[in-house]
Amino acid sequence: DEYLRLAHGAAERSGNSLSIAILDLDHFKNINDTFGRDTGDHA
């Protein structure tokens, strides 16, 4: 949250392009349910 705020301010001041991406691990619930929490943590 803090880094995003700082990056937003820097991009606004400089005019540089800034992209934000959210990356989601597919089927993570199934991994936890099937193999257990330890395997989910390892993933």
PDB file of all heavy atoms in Angstrom:
ATOM      1  N   ASP A   1       0.831  -1.207   0.000  1.00  0.00           N
ATOM      2  CA  ASP A   1       0.000   0.000   0.000  1.00  0.00           C
ATOM      3  C   ASP A   1       0.863   1.254   0.000  1.00  0.00           C
ATOM      4  O   ASP A   1       0.586   2.221  -0.719  1.00  0.00           O
ATOM      5  CB  ASP A   1      -0.923   0.002   1.222  1.00  0.00           C
ATOM      6  CG  ASP A   1      -2.045  -1.017   1.119  1.00  0.00           C
ATOM      7  OD1 ASP A   1      -2.399  -1.387  -0.016  1.00  0.00           O
ATOM      8  OD2 ASP A   1      -2.551  -1.440   2.161  1.00  0.00           O
ATOM      9  N   GLU A   2       1.919   1.242   0.812  1.00  0.00           N
ATOM     10  CA  GLU A   2       2.799   2.403   0.898  1.00  0.00           C
ATOM     11  C   GLU A   2       3.586   2.594  -0.389  1.00  0.00           C
ATOM     12  O   GLU A   2       3.731   3.712  -0.892  1.00  0.00           O
ATOM     13  CB  GLU A   2       3.756   2.238   2.079  1.00  0.00           C
ATOM     14  CG  GLU A   2       4.758   3.371   2.263  1.00  0.00           C
ATOM     15  CD  GLU A   2       4.107   4.715   2.581  1.00  0.00           C
ATOM     16  OE1 GLU A   2       2.896   4.737   2.916  1.00  0.00           O
ATOM     17  OE2 GLU A   2       4.806   5.742   2.493  1.00  0.00           O
ATOM     18  N   TYR A   3       4.103   1.483  -0.962  1.00  0.00           N
ATOM     19  CA  TYR A   3       4.870   1.600  -2.200  1.00  0.00           C
ATOM     20  C   TYR A   3       3.998   2.099  -3.344  1.00  0.00           C
ATOM     21  O   TYR A   3       4.430   2.938  -4.148  1.00  0.00           O
ATOM     22  CB  TYR A   3       5.494   0.260  -2.576  1.00  0.00           C
ATOM     23  CG  TYR A   3       6.384   0.373  -3.790  1.00  0.00           C
ATOM     24  CD1 TYR A   3       7.707   0.766  -3.666  1.00  0.00           C
ATOM     25  CD2 TYR A   3       5.879   0.142  -5.072  1.00  0.00           C
ATOM     26  CE1 TYR A   3       8.515   0.916  -4.780  1.00  0.00           C
ATOM     27  CE2 TYR A   3       6.675   0.285  -6.190  1.00  0.00           C
ATOM     28  CZ  TYR A   3       7.996   0.669  -6.036  1.00  0.00           C
ATOM     29  OH  TYR A   3       8.791   0.829  -7.153  1.00  0.00           O
ATOM     30  N   LEU A   4       2.775   1.603  -3.433  1.00  0.00           N
ATOM     31  CA  LEU A   4       1.867   2.054  -4.482  1.00  0.00           C
ATOM     32  C   LEU A   4       1.611   3.554  -4.378  1.00  0.00           C
ATOM     33  O   LEU A   4       1.566   4.263  -5.392  1.00  0.00           O
ATOM     34  CB  LEU A   4       0.547   1.283  -4.393  1.00  0.00           C
ATOM     35  CG  LEU A   4       0.581  -0.163  -4.877  1.00  0.00           C
ATOM     36  CD1 LEU A   4      -0.681  -0.890  -4.431  1.00  0.00           C
ATOM     37  CD2 LEU A   4       0.719  -0.226  -6.394  1.00  0.00           C
ATOM     38  N   ARG A   5       1.455   4.027  -3.168  1.00  0.00           N
ATOM     39  CA  ARG A   5       1.227   5.460  -2.969  1.00  0.00           C
ATOM     40  C   ARG A   5       2.429   6.274  -3.446  1.00  0.00           C
ATOM     41  O   ARG A   5       2.277   7.287  -4.136  1.00  0.00           O
ATOM     42  CB  ARG A   5       0.958   5.736  -1.494  1.00  0.00           C
ATOM     43  CG  ARG A   5       0.583   7.183  -1.179  1.00  0.00           C
ATOM     44  CD  ARG A   5       0.415   7.393   0.314  1.00  0.00           C
ATOM     45  NE  ARG A   5       1.669   7.248   1.028  1.00  0.00           N
ATOM     46  CZ  ARG A   5       2.598   8.204   1.104  1.00  0.00           C
ATOM     47  NH1 ARG A   5       2.410   9.371   0.479  1.00  0.00           N
ATOM     48  NH2 ARG A   5       3.708   8.012   1.776  1.00  0.00           N
ATOM     49  N   LEU A   6       3.634   5.808  -3.100  1.00  0.00           N
ATOM     50  CA  LEU A   6       4.844   6.511  -3.517  1.00  0.00           C
ATOM     51  C   LEU A   6       5.046   6.437  -5.028  1.00  0.00           C
ATOM     52  O   LEU A   6       5.440   7.419  -5.667  1.00  0.00           O
ATOM     53  CB  LEU A   6       6.059   5.917  -2.799  1.00  0.00           C
ATOM     54  CG  LEU A   6       6.096   6.106  -1.278  1.00  0.00           C
ATOM     55  CD1 LEU A   6       7.254   5.332  -0.672  1.00  0.00           C
ATOM     56  CD2 LEU A   6       6.201   7.586  -0.915  1.00  0.00           C
ATOM     57  N   ALA A   7       4.788   5.260  -5.617  1.00  0.00           N
ATOM     58  CA  ALA A   7       4.945   5.092  -7.060  1.00  0.00           C
ATOM     59  C   ALA A   7       3.949   5.970  -7.816  1.00  0.00           C
ATOM     60  O   ALA A   7       4.280   6.563  -8.855  1.00  0.00           O
ATOM     61  CB  ALA A   7       4.756   3.624  -7.439  1.00  0.00           C
ATOM     62  N   HIS A   8       2.729   6.050  -7.305  1.00  0.00           N
ATOM     63  CA  HIS A   8       1.713   6.899  -7.914  1.00  0.00           C
ATOM     64  C   HIS A   8       2.169   8.356  -7.924  1.00  0.00           C
ATOM     65  O   HIS A   8       2.078   9.058  -8.938  1.00  0.00           O
ATOM     66  CB  HIS A   8       0.403   6.753  -7.139  1.00  0.00           C
ATOM     67  CG  HIS A   8      -0.684   7.662  -7.615  1.00  0.00           C
ATOM     68  ND1 HIS A   8      -1.088   8.764  -6.895  1.00  0.00           N
ATOM     69  CD2 HIS A   8      -1.446   7.649  -8.734  1.00  0.00           C
ATOM     70  CE1 HIS A   8      -2.060   9.382  -7.538  1.00  0.00           C
ATOM     71  NE2 HIS A   8      -2.296   8.730  -8.652  1.00  0.00           N
ATOM     72  N   GLY A   9       2.687   8.825  -6.794  1.00  0.00           N
ATOM     73  CA  GLY A   9       3.175  10.200  -6.724  1.00  0.00           C
ATOM     74  C   GLY A   9       4.335  10.449  -7.660  1.00  0.00           C
ATOM     75  O   GLY A   9       4.400  11.492  -8.332  1.00  0.00           O
ATOM     76  N   ALA A  10       5.263   9.487  -7.750  1.00  0.00           N
ATOM     77  CA  ALA A  10       6.423   9.635  -8.630  1.00  0.00           C
ATOM     78  C   ALA A  10       5.993   9.687 -10.093  1.00  0.00           C
ATOM     79  O   ALA A  10       6.513  10.489 -10.878  1.00  0.00           O
ATOM     80  CB  ALA A  10       7.396   8.484  -8.394  1.00  0.00           C
ATOM     81  N   ALA A  11       5.047   8.838 -10.487  1.00  0.00           N
ATOM     82  CA  ALA A  11       4.572   8.823 -11.870  1.00  0.00           C
ATOM     83  C   ALA A  11       3.849  10.117 -12.212  1.00  0.00           C
ATOM     84  O   ALA A  11       4.008  10.658 -13.318  1.00  0.00           O
ATOM     85  CB  ALA A  11       3.652   7.624 -12.083  1.00  0.00           C
ATOM     86  N   GLU A  12       3.067  10.627 -11.282  1.00  0.00           N
ATOM     87  CA  GLU A  12       2.349  11.878 -11.520  1.00  0.00           C
ATOM     88  C   GLU A  12       3.322  13.038 -11.704  1.00  0.00           C
ATOM     89  O   GLU A  12       3.131  13.897 -12.564  1.00  0.00           O
ATOM     90  CB  GLU A  12       1.401  12.164 -10.353  1.00  0.00           C
ATOM     91  CG  GLU A  12       0.138  11.314 -10.345  1.00  0.00           C
ATOM     92  CD  GLU A  12      -0.814  11.707 -11.459  1.00  0.00           C
ATOM     93  OE1 GLU A  12      -1.309  12.853 -11.443  1.00  0.00           O
ATOM     94  OE2 GLU A  12      -1.049  10.880 -12.347  1.00  0.00           O
ATOM     95  N   ARG A  13       4.368  13.072 -10.896  1.00  0.00           N
ATOM     96  CA  ARG A  13       5.334  14.176 -10.970  1.00  0.00           C
ATOM     97  C   ARG A  13       6.187  14.096 -12.228  1.00  0.00           C
ATOM     98  O   ARG A  13       6.469  15.112 -12.867  1.00  0.00           O
ATOM     99  CB  ARG A  13       6.243  14.173  -9.738  1.00  0.00           C
ATOM    100  CG  ARG A  13       5.552  14.608  -8.454  1.00  0.00           C
ATOM    101  CD  ARG A  13       6.560  14.827  -7.340  1.00  0.00           C
ATOM    102  NE  ARG A  13       7.332  13.618  -7.042  1.00  0.00           N
ATOM    103  CZ  ARG A  13       6.939  12.689  -6.181  1.00  0.00           C
ATOM    104  NH1 ARG A  13       5.787  12.823  -5.532  1.00  0.00           N
ATOM    105  NH2 ARG A  13       7.692  11.630  -5.957  1.00  0.00           N
ATOM    106  N   SER A  14       6.611  12.873 -12.596  1.00  0.00           N
ATOM    107  CA  SER A  14       7.541  12.712 -13.712  1.00  0.00           C
ATOM    108  C   SER A  14       6.861  12.577 -15.063  1.00  0.00           C
ATOM    109  O   SER A  14       7.474  12.837 -16.101  1.00  0.00           O
ATOM    110  CB  SER A  14       8.415  11.473 -13.470  1.00  0.00           C
ATOM    111  OG  SER A  14       7.626  10.291 -13.508  1.00  0.00           O
ATOM    112  N   GLY A  15       5.601  12.134 -15.047  1.00  0.00           N
ATOM    113  CA  GLY A  15       4.909  11.869 -16.301  1.00  0.00           C
ATOM    114  C   GLY A  15       5.272  10.527 -16.913  1.00  0.00           C
ATOM    115  O   GLY A  15       4.849  10.213 -18.031  1.00  0.00           O
ATOM    116  N   ASN A  16       6.051   9.708 -16.195  1.00  0.00           N
ATOM    117  CA  ASN A  16       6.430   8.386 -16.710  1.00  0.00           C
ATOM    118  C   ASN A  16       5.249   7.419 -16.652  1.00  0.00           C
ATOM    119  O   ASN A  16       4.367   7.549 -15.805  1.00  0.00           O
ATOM    120  CB  ASN A  16       7.585   7.810 -15.890  1.00  0.00           C
ATOM    121  CG  ASN A  16       8.882   8.564 -16.099  1.00  0.00           C
ATOM    122  OD1 ASN A  16       9.095   9.173 -17.146  1.00  0.00           O
ATOM    123  ND2 ASN A  16       9.751   8.534 -15.100  1.00  0.00           N
ATOM    124  N   SER A  17       5.261   6.448 -17.556  1.00  0.00           N
ATOM    125  CA  SER A  17       4.208   5.436 -17.571  1.00  0.00           C
ATOM    126  C   SER A  17       4.351   4.514 -16.366  1.00  0.00           C
ATOM    127  O   SER A  17       5.458   4.176 -15.955  1.00  0.00           O
ATOM    128  CB  SER A  17       4.284   4.610 -18.862  1.00  0.00           C
ATOM    129  OG  SER A  17       4.061   5.425 -19.991  1.00  0.00           O
ATOM    130  N   LEU A  18       3.214   4.116 -15.833  1.00  0.00           N
ATOM    131  CA  LEU A  18       3.187   3.209 -14.696  1.00  0.00           C
ATOM    132  C   LEU A  18       2.044   2.217 -14.872  1.00  0.00           C
ATOM    133  O   LEU A  18       0.896   2.612 -15.058  1.00  0.00           O
ATOM    134  CB  LEU A  18       2.988   3.994 -13.390  1.00  0.00           C
ATOM    135  CG  LEU A  18       2.761   3.157 -12.122  1.00  0.00           C
ATOM    136  CD1 LEU A  18       4.012   2.373 -11.781  1.00  0.00           C
ATOM    137  CD2 LEU A  18       2.363   4.055 -10.956  1.00  0.00           C
ATOM    138  N   SER A  19       2.377   0.939 -14.843  1.00  0.00           N
ATOM    139  CA  SER A  19       1.365  -0.113 -14.934  1.00  0.00           C
ATOM    140  C   SER A  19       1.356  -0.923 -13.648  1.00  0.00           C
ATOM    141  O   SER A  19       2.403  -1.165 -13.039  1.00  0.00           O
ATOM    142  CB  SER A  19       1.644  -1.035 -16.132  1.00  0.00           C
ATOM    143  OG  SER A  19       1.532  -0.323 -17.356  1.00  0.00           O
ATOM    144  N   ILE A  20       0.152  -1.326 -13.255  1.00  0.00           N
ATOM    145  CA  ILE A  20      -0.031  -2.148 -12.061  1.00  0.00           C
ATOM    146  C   ILE A  20      -0.662  -3.468 -12.496  1.00  0.00           C
ATOM    147  O   ILE A  20      -1.608  -3.481 -13.285  1.00  0.00           O
ATOM    148  CB  ILE A  20      -0.929  -1.440 -11.037  1.00  0.00           C
ATOM    149  CG1 ILE A  20      -0.261  -0.160 -10.544  1.00  0.00           C
ATOM    150  CG2 ILE A  20      -1.244  -2.363  -9.860  1.00  0.00           C
ATOM    151  CD1 ILE A  20      -1.147   0.689  -9.646  1.00  0.00           C
ATOM    152  N   ALA A  21      -0.123  -4.568 -11.993  1.00  0.00           N
ATOM    153  CA  ALA A  21      -0.663  -5.887 -12.338  1.00  0.00           C
ATOM    154  C   ALA A  21      -0.958  -6.676 -11.069  1.00  0.00           C
ATOM    155  O   ALA A  21      -0.167  -6.660 -10.127  1.00  0.00           O
ATOM    156  CB  ALA A  21       0.327  -6.657 -13.215  1.00  0.00           C
ATOM    157  N   ILE A  22      -2.097  -7.356 -11.066  1.00  0.00           N
ATOM    158  CA  ILE A  22      -2.453  -8.267  -9.988  1.00  0.00           C
ATOM    159  C   ILE A  22      -2.340  -9.684 -10.541  1.00  0.00           C
ATOM    160  O   ILE A  22      -2.965 -10.013 -11.552  1.00  0.00           O
ATOM    161  CB  ILE A  22      -3.870  -7.998  -9.463  1.00  0.00           C
ATOM    162  CG1 ILE A  22      -3.984  -6.552  -8.957  1.00  0.00           C
ATOM    163  CG2 ILE A  22      -4.210  -8.975  -8.331  1.00  0.00           C
ATOM    164  CD1 ILE A  22      -5.385  -6.161  -8.519  1.00  0.00           C
ATOM    165  N   LEU A  23      -1.534 -10.500  -9.896  1.00  0.00           N
ATOM    166  CA  LEU A  23      -1.253 -11.859 -10.352  1.00  0.00           C
ATOM    167  C   LEU A  23      -1.883 -12.845  -9.374  1.00  0.00           C
ATOM    168  O   LEU A  23      -1.612 -12.793  -8.171  1.00  0.00           O
ATOM    169  CB  LEU A  23       0.251 -12.115 -10.439  1.00  0.00           C
ATOM    170  CG  LEU A  23       1.070 -11.157 -11.327  1.00  0.00           C
ATOM    171  CD1 LEU A  23       1.521  -9.924 -10.551  1.00  0.00           C
ATOM    172  CD2 LEU A  23       2.284 -11.867 -11.914  1.00  0.00           C
ATOM    173  N   ASP A  24      -2.712 -13.726  -9.889  1.00  0.00           N
ATOM    174  CA  ASP A  24      -3.481 -14.649  -9.064  1.00  0.00           C
ATOM    175  C   ASP A  24      -3.090 -16.089  -9.398  1.00  0.00           C
ATOM    176  O   ASP A  24      -3.080 -16.482 -10.567  1.00  0.00           O
ATOM    177  CB  ASP A  24      -4.976 -14.433  -9.308  1.00  0.00           C
ATOM    178  CG  ASP A  24      -5.849 -15.268  -8.397  1.00  0.00           C
ATOM    179  OD1 ASP A  24      -6.038 -16.466  -8.703  1.00  0.00           O
ATOM    180  OD2 ASP A  24      -6.346 -14.726  -7.401  1.00  0.00           O
ATOM    181  N   LEU A  25      -2.775 -16.864  -8.372  1.00  0.00           N
ATOM    182  CA  LEU A  25      -2.416 -18.267  -8.564  1.00  0.00           C
ATOM    183  C   LEU A  25      -3.689 -19.078  -8.820  1.00  0.00           C
ATOM    184  O   LEU A  25      -4.567 -19.158  -7.955  1.00  0.00           O
ATOM    185  CB  LEU A  25      -1.696 -18.777  -7.319  1.00  0.00           C
ATOM    186  CG  LEU A  25      -0.902 -20.073  -7.408  1.00  0.00           C
ATOM    187  CD1 LEU A  25       0.140 -20.024  -8.526  1.00  0.00           C
ATOM    188  CD2 LEU A  25      -0.216 -20.354  -6.072  1.00  0.00           C
ATOM    189  N   ASP A  26      -3.788 -19.655 -10.008  1.00  0.00           N
ATOM    190  CA  ASP A  26      -5.006 -20.359 -10.410  1.00  0.00           C
ATOM    191  C   ASP A  26      -5.254 -21.608  -9.556  1.00  0.00           C
ATOM    192  O   ASP A  26      -4.318 -22.336  -9.208  1.00  0.00           O
ATOM    193  CB  ASP A  26      -4.918 -20.775 -11.884  1.00  0.00           C
ATOM    194  CG  ASP A  26      -4.938 -19.580 -12.822  1.00  0.00           C
ATOM    195  OD1 ASP A  26      -5.585 -18.566 -12.484  1.00  0.00           O
ATOM    196  OD2 ASP A  26      -4.307 -19.666 -13.894  1.00  0.00           O
ATOM    197  N   HIS A  27      -6.525 -21.831  -9.252  1.00  0.00           N
ATOM    198  CA  HIS A  27      -6.978 -23.040  -8.553  1.00  0.00           C
ATOM    199  C   HIS A  27      -6.267 -23.254  -7.214  1.00  0.00           C
ATOM    200  O   HIS A  27      -6.069 -24.398  -6.783  1.00  0.00           O
ATOM    201  CB  HIS A  27      -6.779 -24.285  -9.436  1.00  0.00           C
ATOM    202  CG  HIS A  27      -7.467 -24.197 -10.763  1.00  0.00           C
ATOM    203  ND1 HIS A  27      -8.845 -24.131 -10.880  1.00  0.00           N
ATOM    204  CD2 HIS A  27      -6.971 -24.146 -12.030  1.00  0.00           C
ATOM    205  CE1 HIS A  27      -9.166 -24.056 -12.168  1.00  0.00           C
ATOM    206  NE2 HIS A  27      -8.054 -24.066 -12.874  1.00  0.00           N
ATOM    207  N   PHE A  28      -5.923 -22.167  -6.550  1.00  0.00           N
ATOM    208  CA  PHE A  28      -5.178 -22.308  -5.296  1.00  0.00           C
ATOM    209  C   PHE A  28      -6.003 -23.016  -4.221  1.00  0.00           C
ATOM    210  O   PHE A  28      -5.469 -23.830  -3.457  1.00  0.00           O
ATOM    211  CB  PHE A  28      -4.731 -20.932  -4.789  1.00  0.00           C
ATOM    212  CG  PHE A  28      -3.948 -20.986  -3.507  1.00  0.00           C
ATOM    213  CD1 PHE A  28      -2.669 -21.512  -3.492  1.00  0.00           C
ATOM    214  CD2 PHE A  28      -4.500 -20.539  -2.322  1.00  0.00           C
ATOM    215  CE1 PHE A  28      -1.939 -21.587  -2.309  1.00  0.00           C
ATOM    216  CE2 PHE A  28      -3.781 -20.607  -1.134  1.00  0.00           C
ATOM    217  CZ  PHE A  28      -2.499 -21.129  -1.130  1.00  0.00           C
ATOM    218  N   LYS A  29      -7.283 -22.721  -4.164  1.00  0.00           N
ATOM    219  CA  LYS A  29      -8.141 -23.388  -3.163  1.00  0.00           C
ATOM    220  C   LYS A  29      -8.144 -24.905  -3.373  1.00  0.00           C
ATOM    221  O   LYS A  29      -8.096 -25.680  -2.408  1.00  0.00           O
ATOM    222  CB  LYS A  29      -9.563 -22.840  -3.228  1.00  0.00           C
ATOM    223  CG  LYS A  29     -10.482 -23.403  -2.134  1.00  0.00           C
ATOM    224  CD  LYS A  29     -11.869 -22.800  -2.208  1.00  0.00           C
ATOM    225  CE  LYS A  29     -12.747 -23.280  -1.068  1.00  0.00           C
ATOM    226  NZ  LYS A  29     -12.881 -24.752  -1.013  1.00  0.00           N
ATOM    227  N   ASN A  30      -8.190 -25.321  -4.640  1.00  0.00           N
ATOM    228  CA  ASN A  30      -8.168 -26.760  -4.922  1.00  0.00           C
ATOM    229  C   ASN A  30      -6.856 -27.402  -4.479  1.00  0.00           C
ATOM    230  O   ASN A  30      -6.844 -28.542  -3.999  1.00  0.00           O
ATOM    231  CB  ASN A  30      -8.374 -27.006  -6.418  1.00  0.00           C
ATOM    232  CG  ASN A  30      -9.782 -26.688  -6.870  1.00  0.00           C
ATOM    233  OD1 ASN A  30     -10.690 -26.569  -6.051  1.00  0.00           O
ATOM    234  ND2 ASN A  30      -9.973 -26.523  -8.173  1.00  0.00           N
ATOM    235  N   ILE A  31      -5.756 -26.657  -4.638  1.00  0.00           N
ATOM    236  CA  ILE A  31      -4.455 -27.173  -4.201  1.00  0.00           C
ATOM    237  C   ILE A  31      -4.461 -27.376  -2.693  1.00  0.00           C
ATOM    238  O   ILE A  31      -4.041 -28.412  -2.179  1.00  0.00           O
ATOM    239  CB  ILE A  31      -3.330 -26.199  -4.619  1.00  0.00           C
ATOM    240  CG1 ILE A  31      -3.192 -26.179  -6.143  1.00  0.00           C
ATOM    241  CG2 ILE A  31      -2.003 -26.592  -3.965  1.00  0.00           C
ATOM    242  CD1 ILE A  31      -2.253 -25.115  -6.659  1.00  0.00           C
ATOM    243  N   ASN A  32      -4.964 -26.366  -1.970  1.00  0.00           N
ATOM    244  CA  ASN A  32      -5.037 -26.477  -0.510  1.00  0.00           C
ATOM    245  C   ASN A  32      -5.947 -27.629  -0.080  1.00  0.00           C
ATOM    246  O   ASN A  32      -5.609 -28.406   0.811  1.00  0.00           O
ATOM    247  CB  ASN A  32      -5.558 -25.161   0.079  1.00  0.00           C
ATOM    248  CG  ASN A  32      -4.440 -24.289   0.615  1.00  0.00           C
ATOM    249  OD1 ASN A  32      -3.320 -24.734   0.797  1.00  0.00           O
ATOM    250  ND2 ASN A  32      -4.734 -23.033   0.861  1.00  0.00           N
ATOM    251  N   ASP A  33      -7.104 -27.707  -0.707  1.00  0.00           N
ATOM    252  CA  ASP A  33      -8.083 -28.728  -0.322  1.00  0.00           C
ATOM    253  C   ASP A  33      -7.603 -30.140  -0.644  1.00  0.00           C
ATOM    254  O   ASP A  33      -7.867 -31.087   0.104  1.00  0.00           O
ATOM    255  CB  ASP A  33      -9.425 -28.476  -1.015  1.00  0.00           C
ATOM    256  CG  ASP A  33     -10.116 -27.209  -0.513  1.00  0.00           C
ATOM    257  OD1 ASP A  33      -9.700 -26.703   0.548  1.00  0.00           O
ATOM    258  OD2 ASP A  33     -11.054 -26.738  -1.184  1.00  0.00           O
ATOM    259  N   THR A  34      -6.902 -30.277  -1.766  1.00  0.00           N
ATOM    260  CA  THR A  34      -6.484 -31.603  -2.222  1.00  0.00           C
ATOM    261  C   THR A  34      -5.205 -32.083  -1.541  1.00  0.00           C
ATOM    262  O   THR A  34      -5.113 -33.241  -1.112  1.00  0.00           O
ATOM    263  CB  THR A  34      -6.271 -31.603  -3.751  1.00  0.00           C
ATOM    264  OG1 THR A  34      -7.472 -31.184  -4.400  1.00  0.00           O
ATOM    265  CG2 THR A  34      -5.881 -32.994  -4.244  1.00  0.00           C
ATOM    266  N   PHE A  35      -4.227 -31.196  -1.433  1.00  0.00           N
ATOM    267  CA  PHE A  35      -2.908 -31.611  -0.959  1.00  0.00           C
ATOM    268  C   PHE A  35      -2.573 -31.104   0.443  1.00  0.00           C
ATOM    269  O   PHE A  35      -1.573 -31.541   1.021  1.00  0.00           O
ATOM    270  CB  PHE A  35      -1.836 -31.134  -1.936  1.00  0.00           C
ATOM    271  CG  PHE A  35      -2.026 -31.641  -3.336  1.00  0.00           C
ATOM    272  CD1 PHE A  35      -2.487 -30.803  -4.336  1.00  0.00           C
ATOM    273  CD2 PHE A  35      -1.749 -32.964  -3.649  1.00  0.00           C
ATOM    274  CE1 PHE A  35      -2.664 -31.260  -5.627  1.00  0.00           C
ATOM    275  CE2 PHE A  35      -1.917 -33.436  -4.936  1.00  0.00           C
ATOM    276  CZ  PHE A  35      -2.386 -32.591  -5.930  1.00  0.00           C
ATOM    277  N   GLY A  36      -3.366 -30.186   0.977  1.00  0.00           N
ATOM    278  CA  GLY A  36      -3.102 -29.684   2.318  1.00  0.00           C
ATOM    279  C   GLY A  36      -2.422 -28.327   2.320  1.00  0.00           C
ATOM    280  O   GLY A  36      -1.873 -27.870   1.312  1.00  0.00           O
ATOM    281  N   ARG A  37      -2.447 -27.720   3.481  1.00  0.00           N
ATOM    282  CA  ARG A  37      -1.938 -26.360   3.620  1.00  0.00           C
ATOM    283  C   ARG A  37      -0.440 -26.265   3.376  1.00  0.00           C
ATOM    284  O   ARG A  37       0.043 -25.275   2.809  1.00  0.00           O
ATOM    285  CB  ARG A  37      -2.274 -25.818   5.010  1.00  0.00           C
ATOM    286  CG  ARG A  37      -1.843 -24.383   5.214  1.00  0.00           C
ATOM    287  CD  ARG A  37      -2.349 -23.824   6.517  1.00  0.00           C
ATOM    288  NE  ARG A  37      -1.875 -22.466   6.718  1.00  0.00           N
ATOM    289  CZ  ARG A  37      -2.185 -21.714   7.763  1.00  0.00           C
ATOM    290  NH1 ARG A  37      -2.989 -22.203   8.702  1.00  0.00           N
ATOM    291  NH2 ARG A  37      -1.721 -20.493   7.887  1.00  0.00           N
ATOM    292  N   ASP A  38       0.323 -27.276   3.797  1.00  0.00           N
ATOM    293  CA  ASP A  38       1.774 -27.232   3.588  1.00  0.00           C
ATOM    294  C   ASP A  38       2.109 -27.143   2.105  1.00  0.00           C
ATOM    295  O   ASP A  38       3.013 -26.399   1.697  1.00  0.00           O
ATOM    296  CB  ASP A  38       2.441 -28.462   4.200  1.00  0.00           C
ATOM    297  CG  ASP A  38       2.486 -28.413   5.719  1.00  0.00           C
ATOM    298  OD1 ASP A  38       2.231 -27.320   6.280  1.00  0.00           O
ATOM    299  OD2 ASP A  38       2.760 -29.457   6.330  1.00  0.00           O
ATOM    300  N   THR A  39       1.389 -27.905   1.299  1.00  0.00           N
ATOM    301  CA  THR A  39       1.610 -27.853  -0.146  1.00  0.00           C
ATOM    302  C   THR A  39       1.179 -26.500  -0.702  1.00  0.00           C
ATOM    303  O   THR A  39       1.840 -25.942  -1.590  1.00  0.00           O
ATOM    304  CB  THR A  39       0.831 -28.974  -0.858  1.00  0.00           C
ATOM    305  OG1 THR A  39       1.278 -30.234  -0.348  1.00  0.00           O
ATOM    306  CG2 THR A  39       1.050 -28.935  -2.358  1.00  0.00           C
ATOM    307  N   GLY A  40       0.080 -25.955  -0.187  1.00  0.00           N
ATOM    308  CA  GLY A  40      -0.349 -24.624  -0.602  1.00  0.00           C
ATOM    309  C   GLY A  40       0.696 -23.572  -0.277  1.00  0.00           C
ATOM    310  O   GLY A  40       0.994 -22.696  -1.106  1.00  0.00           O
ATOM    311  N   ASP A  41       1.275 -23.668   0.923  1.00  0.00           N
ATOM    312  CA  ASP A  41       2.338 -22.729   1.306  1.00  0.00           C
ATOM    313  C   ASP A  41       3.551 -22.875   0.392  1.00  0.00           C
ATOM    314  O   ASP A  41       4.178 -21.881  -0.004  1.00  0.00           O
ATOM    315  CB  ASP A  41       2.764 -22.968   2.755  1.00  0.00           C
ATOM    316  CG  ASP A  41       1.738 -22.476   3.762  1.00  0.00           C
ATOM    317  OD1 ASP A  41       0.780 -21.782   3.351  1.00  0.00           O
ATOM    318  OD2 ASP A  41       1.900 -22.787   4.957  1.00  0.00           O
ATOM    319  N   HIS A  42       3.877 -24.133   0.046  1.00  0.00           N
ATOM    320  CA  HIS A  42       5.004 -24.377  -0.856  1.00  0.00           C
ATOM    321  C   HIS A  42       4.736 -23.765  -2.228  1.00  0.00           C
ATOM    322  O   HIS A  42       5.643 -23.188  -2.850  1.00  0.00           O
ATOM    323  CB  HIS A  42       5.253 -25.875  -0.982  1.00  0.00           C
ATOM    324  CG  HIS A  42       6.367 -26.228  -1.911  1.00  0.00           C
ATOM    325  ND1 HIS A  42       7.641 -25.717  -1.787  1.00  0.00           N
ATOM    326  CD2 HIS A  42       6.395 -27.053  -3.004  1.00  0.00           C
ATOM    327  CE1 HIS A  42       8.399 -26.197  -2.743  1.00  0.00           C
ATOM    328  NE2 HIS A  42       7.670 -27.008  -3.496  1.00  0.00           N
ATOM    329  N   ALA A  43       3.498 -23.861  -2.698  1.00  0.00           N
ATOM    330  CA  ALA A  43       3.138 -23.265  -3.988  1.00  0.00           C
ATOM    331  C   ALA A  43       3.325 -21.747  -3.950  1.00  0.00           C
ATOM    332  O   ALA A  43       3.843 -21.152  -4.903  1.00  0.00           O
ATOM    333  CB  ALA A  43       1.694 -23.609  -4.340  1.00  0.00           C
TER     334      ALA A  43
END
